Amino acid sequence: MAKEKEEILLVDGYNIIGAWPTLRSLKEKGLEESRNELIQQMTEYQAYTGQRVMIVFDAYGVKGLERKIRSGRVDVLFTREKETADERIEKLAVELQSIRTQVYVATSDFTEQWSVFGQGALRKSARELLREVETIQGGIRKSVERTQRSRPQSKIQLSNEVAEIFEKWRRGDR
């Protein structure tokens, strides 16, 4: 039995933040808030689709070494000094693309789209990814509502705070 191809989504973090209206408005309050919201939305996307997700943020003008953190099941990369997110995404697309792996790159940067397309990766515009995320969020809401209507009342009453902790555990956030 043939194994299905693994799918990996590489996300150009700041490009997506600049393209999605809600993230763009959060950016005005603070860049960290918009980054955290994108990471949260991509964590839900990953949990729903099963795709491996990697978000790449520019650290081009920031001194220091490349950093990689894990949020839930999403890898978050900050490029090293003098390396753009585009350059890192192109390297990752080449490294990760194989006969068993299909790489998608989410960006609205036209030049970047063509560059990774030439390396075998498929492109996904910021608008396409936003539509997918919105569809997934709607599906999650409906599923939660159905589950809440059909499940018997718990014998143990949980506070909202405890319920949120359990939900984070279920998603893989710790």
C-alpha atoms as a PDB file:
ATOM      1  CA  MET A   1       0.000   0.000   0.000  1.00  0.00           C
ATOM      2  CA  ALA A   2       1.506   3.334  -1.086  1.00  0.00           C
ATOM      3  CA  LYS A   3       1.980   5.983   1.547  1.00  0.00           C
ATOM      4  CA  GLU A   4       0.446   9.375   0.827  1.00  0.00           C
ATOM      5  CA  LYS A   5       2.743  12.322   0.254  1.00  0.00           C
ATOM      6  CA  GLU A   6       3.593  14.385   3.290  1.00  0.00           C
ATOM      7  CA  GLU A   7       2.510  17.995   2.822  1.00  0.00           C
ATOM      8  CA  ILE A   8       4.505  20.864   4.253  1.00  0.00           C
ATOM      9  CA  LEU A   9       3.294  24.466   4.315  1.00  0.00           C
ATOM     10  CA  LEU A  10       5.986  27.155   4.500  1.00  0.00           C
ATOM     11  CA  VAL A  11       4.470  30.480   5.564  1.00  0.00           C
ATOM     12  CA  ASP A  12       6.141  33.834   4.862  1.00  0.00           C
ATOM     13  CA  GLY A  13       5.162  35.290   8.236  1.00  0.00           C
ATOM     14  CA  TYR A  14       5.438  39.035   7.713  1.00  0.00           C
ATOM     15  CA  ASN A  15       4.025  38.802   4.179  1.00  0.00           C
ATOM     16  CA  ILE A  16       0.898  37.102   5.542  1.00  0.00           C
ATOM     17  CA  ILE A  17       0.653  39.590   8.431  1.00  0.00           C
ATOM     18  CA  GLY A  18       0.761  42.439   5.912  1.00  0.00           C
ATOM     19  CA  ALA A  19      -1.891  40.792   3.706  1.00  0.00           C
ATOM     20  CA  TRP A  20      -4.534  39.682   6.230  1.00  0.00           C
ATOM     21  CA  PRO A  21      -6.678  42.599   7.481  1.00  0.00           C
ATOM     22  CA  THR A  22      -7.025  41.347  11.072  1.00  0.00           C
ATOM     23  CA  LEU A  23      -3.301  40.699  11.428  1.00  0.00           C
ATOM     24  CA  ARG A  24      -2.443  44.008   9.769  1.00  0.00           C
ATOM     25  CA  SER A  25      -4.582  45.890  12.312  1.00  0.00           C
ATOM     26  CA  LEU A  26      -3.028  43.897  15.187  1.00  0.00           C
ATOM     27  CA  LYS A  27       0.411  44.871  13.860  1.00  0.00           C
ATOM     28  CA  GLU A  28      -0.435  48.508  14.574  1.00  0.00           C
ATOM     29  CA  LYS A  29      -0.803  47.589  18.272  1.00  0.00           C
ATOM     30  CA  GLY A  30       2.397  45.559  18.262  1.00  0.00           C
ATOM     31  CA  LEU A  31       4.263  43.210  15.996  1.00  0.00           C
ATOM     32  CA  GLU A  32       4.424  40.497  18.647  1.00  0.00           C
ATOM     33  CA  GLU A  33       0.624  40.401  18.935  1.00  0.00           C
ATOM     34  CA  SER A  34       0.198  39.902  15.196  1.00  0.00           C
ATOM     35  CA  ARG A  35       2.910  37.216  15.147  1.00  0.00           C
ATOM     36  CA  ASN A  36       1.267  35.367  18.038  1.00  0.00           C
ATOM     37  CA  GLU A  37      -2.147  35.511  16.362  1.00  0.00           C
ATOM     38  CA  LEU A  38      -0.711  34.140  13.100  1.00  0.00           C
ATOM     39  CA  ILE A  39       1.013  31.342  15.025  1.00  0.00           C
ATOM     40  CA  GLN A  40      -2.261  30.525  16.820  1.00  0.00           C
ATOM     41  CA  GLN A  41      -4.211  30.413  13.553  1.00  0.00           C
ATOM     42  CA  MET A  42      -1.567  28.248  11.888  1.00  0.00           C
ATOM     43  CA  THR A  43      -1.618  25.911  14.917  1.00  0.00           C
ATOM     44  CA  GLU A  44      -5.344  25.386  14.367  1.00  0.00           C
ATOM     45  CA  TYR A  45      -4.737  24.978  10.622  1.00  0.00           C
ATOM     46  CA  GLN A  46      -2.086  22.336  11.305  1.00  0.00           C
ATOM     47  CA  ALA A  47      -4.297  20.445  13.755  1.00  0.00           C
ATOM     48  CA  TYR A  48      -7.199  20.429  11.298  1.00  0.00           C
ATOM     49  CA  THR A  49      -5.299  19.589   8.082  1.00  0.00           C
ATOM     50  CA  GLY A  50      -2.507  17.433   9.489  1.00  0.00           C
ATOM     51  CA  GLN A  51       0.005  19.292   7.304  1.00  0.00           C
ATOM     52  CA  ARG A  52       3.385  20.157   8.741  1.00  0.00           C
ATOM     53  CA  VAL A  53       3.509  23.963   9.084  1.00  0.00           C
ATOM     54  CA  MET A  54       6.611  26.145   9.283  1.00  0.00           C
ATOM     55  CA  ILE A  55       6.337  29.920   9.679  1.00  0.00           C
ATOM     56  CA  VAL A  56       9.400  31.939   8.669  1.00  0.00           C
ATOM     57  CA  PHE A  57       9.941  35.467   9.984  1.00  0.00           C
ATOM     58  CA  ASP A  58      12.577  37.887   8.742  1.00  0.00           C
ATOM     59  CA  ALA A  59      15.324  38.839  11.123  1.00  0.00           C
ATOM     60  CA  TYR A  60      17.216  40.574   8.324  1.00  0.00           C
ATOM     61  CA  GLY A  61      17.939  43.777  10.222  1.00  0.00           C
ATOM     62  CA  VAL A  62      18.279  42.112  13.631  1.00  0.00           C
ATOM     63  CA  LYS A  63      21.629  41.025  15.013  1.00  0.00           C
ATOM     64  CA  GLY A  64      21.857  37.466  16.194  1.00  0.00           C
ATOM     65  CA  LEU A  65      21.666  33.850  15.261  1.00  0.00           C
ATOM     66  CA  GLU A  66      18.852  31.989  13.584  1.00  0.00           C
ATOM     67  CA  ARG A  67      16.207  30.891  16.074  1.00  0.00           C
ATOM     68  CA  LYS A  68      13.727  28.056  15.843  1.00  0.00           C
ATOM     69  CA  ILE A  69      10.900  27.565  18.310  1.00  0.00           C
ATOM     70  CA  ARG A  70       8.007  25.146  18.403  1.00  0.00           C
ATOM     71  CA  SER A  71       4.493  26.319  19.154  1.00  0.00           C
ATOM     72  CA  GLY A  72       2.159  23.376  19.464  1.00  0.00           C
ATOM     73  CA  ARG A  73       3.002  21.396  16.352  1.00  0.00           C
ATOM     74  CA  VAL A  74       4.077  24.425  14.314  1.00  0.00           C
ATOM     75  CA  ASP A  75       7.733  25.297  13.725  1.00  0.00           C
ATOM     76  CA  VAL A  76       8.497  29.025  13.921  1.00  0.00           C
ATOM     77  CA  LEU A  77      11.791  30.163  12.391  1.00  0.00           C
ATOM     78  CA  PHE A  78      13.472  33.541  12.695  1.00  0.00           C
ATOM     79  CA  THR A  79      16.162  33.930  10.038  1.00  0.00           C
ATOM     80  CA  ARG A  80      19.724  34.742  10.923  1.00  0.00           C
ATOM     81  CA  GLU A  81      21.215  38.189  10.508  1.00  0.00           C
ATOM     82  CA  LYS A  82      21.426  39.299   6.856  1.00  0.00           C
ATOM     83  CA  GLU A  83      19.126  36.512   5.673  1.00  0.00           C
ATOM     84  CA  THR A  84      15.632  37.316   4.414  1.00  0.00           C
ATOM     85  CA  ALA A  85      12.593  35.119   4.942  1.00  0.00           C
ATOM     86  CA  ASP A  86      12.448  34.683   1.150  1.00  0.00           C
ATOM     87  CA  GLU A  87      15.990  33.301   1.077  1.00  0.00           C
ATOM     88  CA  ARG A  88      15.277  30.901   3.949  1.00  0.00           C
ATOM     89  CA  ILE A  89      11.992  29.737   2.388  1.00  0.00           C
ATOM     90  CA  GLU A  90      13.756  29.046  -0.931  1.00  0.00           C
ATOM     91  CA  LYS A  91      16.397  26.954   0.883  1.00  0.00           C
ATOM     92  CA  LEU A  92      13.734  25.060   2.821  1.00  0.00           C
ATOM     93  CA  ALA A  93      11.710  24.417  -0.331  1.00  0.00           C
ATOM     94  CA  VAL A  94      14.752  22.808  -1.964  1.00  0.00           C
ATOM     95  CA  GLU A  95      15.708  20.831   1.172  1.00  0.00           C
ATOM     96  CA  LEU A  96      12.207  19.534   1.924  1.00  0.00           C
ATOM     97  CA  GLN A  97      10.847  18.843  -1.575  1.00  0.00           C
ATOM     98  CA  SER A  98      11.088  15.167  -2.507  1.00  0.00           C
ATOM     99  CA  ILE A  99       9.190  12.362  -4.167  1.00  0.00           C
ATOM    100  CA  ARG A 100       7.440  11.740  -0.828  1.00  0.00           C
ATOM    101  CA  THR A 101       6.938  15.372   0.147  1.00  0.00           C
ATOM    102  CA  GLN A 102       4.941  18.184  -1.440  1.00  0.00           C
ATOM    103  CA  VAL A 103       5.912  21.666  -0.298  1.00  0.00           C
ATOM    104  CA  TYR A 104       3.493  24.604  -0.436  1.00  0.00           C
ATOM    105  CA  VAL A 105       4.616  28.183   0.087  1.00  0.00           C
ATOM    106  CA  ALA A 106       2.142  30.754   1.393  1.00  0.00           C
ATOM    107  CA  THR A 107       3.093  34.247   0.247  1.00  0.00           C
ATOM    108  CA  SER A 108       1.742  36.983  -1.968  1.00  0.00           C
ATOM    109  CA  ASP A 109       5.244  37.960  -3.069  1.00  0.00           C
ATOM    110  CA  PHE A 110       5.024  37.239  -6.809  1.00  0.00           C
ATOM    111  CA  THR A 111       8.794  36.855  -7.272  1.00  0.00           C
ATOM    112  CA  GLU A 112       8.971  34.412  -4.367  1.00  0.00           C
ATOM    113  CA  GLN A 113       6.043  32.418  -5.778  1.00  0.00           C
ATOM    114  CA  TRP A 114       7.806  31.939  -9.107  1.00  0.00           C
ATOM    115  CA  SER A 115      11.122  31.137  -7.468  1.00  0.00           C
ATOM    116  CA  VAL A 116       9.737  28.309  -5.331  1.00  0.00           C
ATOM    117  CA  PHE A 117       7.462  27.103  -8.125  1.00  0.00           C
ATOM    118  CA  GLY A 118      10.582  26.566 -10.224  1.00  0.00           C
ATOM    119  CA  GLN A 119      11.921  24.336  -7.441  1.00  0.00           C
ATOM    120  CA  GLY A 120       8.857  22.086  -7.404  1.00  0.00           C
ATOM    121  CA  ALA A 121       6.932  23.732  -4.580  1.00  0.00           C
ATOM    122  CA  LEU A 122       3.368  24.879  -5.054  1.00  0.00           C
ATOM    123  CA  ARG A 123       2.319  28.377  -4.182  1.00  0.00           C
ATOM    124  CA  LYS A 124      -0.576  29.516  -2.058  1.00  0.00           C
ATOM    125  CA  SER A 125      -1.428  33.217  -1.995  1.00  0.00           C
ATOM    126  CA  ALA A 126      -2.165  35.001   1.269  1.00  0.00           C
ATOM    127  CA  ARG A 127      -5.798  35.331   0.175  1.00  0.00           C
ATOM    128  CA  GLU A 128      -6.089  31.580  -0.549  1.00  0.00           C
ATOM    129  CA  LEU A 129      -4.625  30.707   2.839  1.00  0.00           C
ATOM    130  CA  LEU A 130      -6.950  33.179   4.571  1.00  0.00           C
ATOM    131  CA  ARG A 131      -9.994  31.581   2.883  1.00  0.00           C
ATOM    132  CA  GLU A 132      -8.814  28.132   3.974  1.00  0.00           C
ATOM    133  CA  VAL A 133      -8.280  29.323   7.556  1.00  0.00           C
ATOM    134  CA  GLU A 134     -11.737  30.933   7.649  1.00  0.00           C
ATOM    135  CA  THR A 135     -13.341  27.744   6.292  1.00  0.00           C
ATOM    136  CA  ILE A 136     -11.493  25.649   8.869  1.00  0.00           C
ATOM    137  CA  GLN A 137     -12.494  27.988  11.713  1.00  0.00           C
ATOM    138  CA  GLY A 138     -16.133  27.727  10.606  1.00  0.00           C
ATOM    139  CA  GLY A 139     -15.862  23.937  10.536  1.00  0.00           C
ATOM    140  CA  ILE A 140     -14.314  23.882  13.997  1.00  0.00           C
ATOM    141  CA  ARG A 141     -17.084  26.134  15.374  1.00  0.00           C
ATOM    142  CA  LYS A 142     -19.793  23.871  13.927  1.00  0.00           C
ATOM    143  CA  SER A 143     -18.079  20.764  15.255  1.00  0.00           C
ATOM    144  CA  VAL A 144     -17.776  22.258  18.748  1.00  0.00           C
ATOM    145  CA  GLU A 145     -21.435  23.317  18.713  1.00  0.00           C
ATOM    146  CA  ARG A 146     -22.548  19.810  17.633  1.00  0.00           C
ATOM    147  CA  THR A 147     -20.393  18.216  20.310  1.00  0.00           C
ATOM    148  CA  GLN A 148     -21.716  20.539  23.009  1.00  0.00           C
ATOM    149  CA  ARG A 149     -25.329  19.833  22.027  1.00  0.00           C
ATOM    150  CA  SER A 150     -24.887  16.071  21.889  1.00  0.00           C
ATOM    151  CA  ARG A 151     -22.638  15.391  24.854  1.00  0.00           C
ATOM    152  CA  PRO A 152     -24.123  14.607  28.213  1.00  0.00           C
ATOM    153  CA  GLN A 153     -23.499  17.048  30.993  1.00  0.00           C
ATOM    154  CA  SER A 154     -20.317  16.315  32.868  1.00  0.00           C
ATOM    155  CA  LYS A 155     -20.631  15.060  36.412  1.00  0.00           C
ATOM    156  CA  ILE A 156     -17.690  17.285  37.229  1.00  0.00           C
ATOM    157  CA  GLN A 157     -18.222  20.988  36.712  1.00  0.00           C
ATOM    158  CA  LEU A 158     -15.121  22.619  35.219  1.00  0.00           C
ATOM    159  CA  SER A 159     -14.327  26.287  35.393  1.00  0.00           C
ATOM    160  CA  ASN A 160     -13.672  28.060  32.101  1.00  0.00           C
ATOM    161  CA  GLU A 161     -10.008  28.369  33.095  1.00  0.00           C
ATOM    162  CA  VAL A 162      -9.606  24.598  33.563  1.00  0.00           C
ATOM    163  CA  ALA A 163     -11.556  23.897  30.351  1.00  0.00           C
ATOM    164  CA  GLU A 164      -9.144  26.218  28.463  1.00  0.00           C
ATOM    165  CA  ILE A 165      -6.138  24.351  29.910  1.00  0.00           C
ATOM    166  CA  PHE A 166      -7.606  21.020  28.782  1.00  0.00           C
ATOM    167  CA  GLU A 167      -8.277  22.454  25.316  1.00  0.00           C
ATOM    168  CA  LYS A 168      -4.637  23.635  25.023  1.00  0.00           C
ATOM    169  CA  TRP A 169      -3.456  20.155  25.991  1.00  0.00           C
ATOM    170  CA  ARG A 170      -5.753  18.621  23.383  1.00  0.00           C
ATOM    171  CA  ARG A 171      -4.229  20.870  20.686  1.00  0.00           C
ATOM    172  CA  GLY A 172      -0.687  20.080  21.735  1.00  0.00           C
ATOM    173  CA  ASP A 173       0.028  23.566  23.175  1.00  0.00           C
ATOM    174  CA  ARG A 174       1.877  23.398  26.434  1.00  0.00           C
END
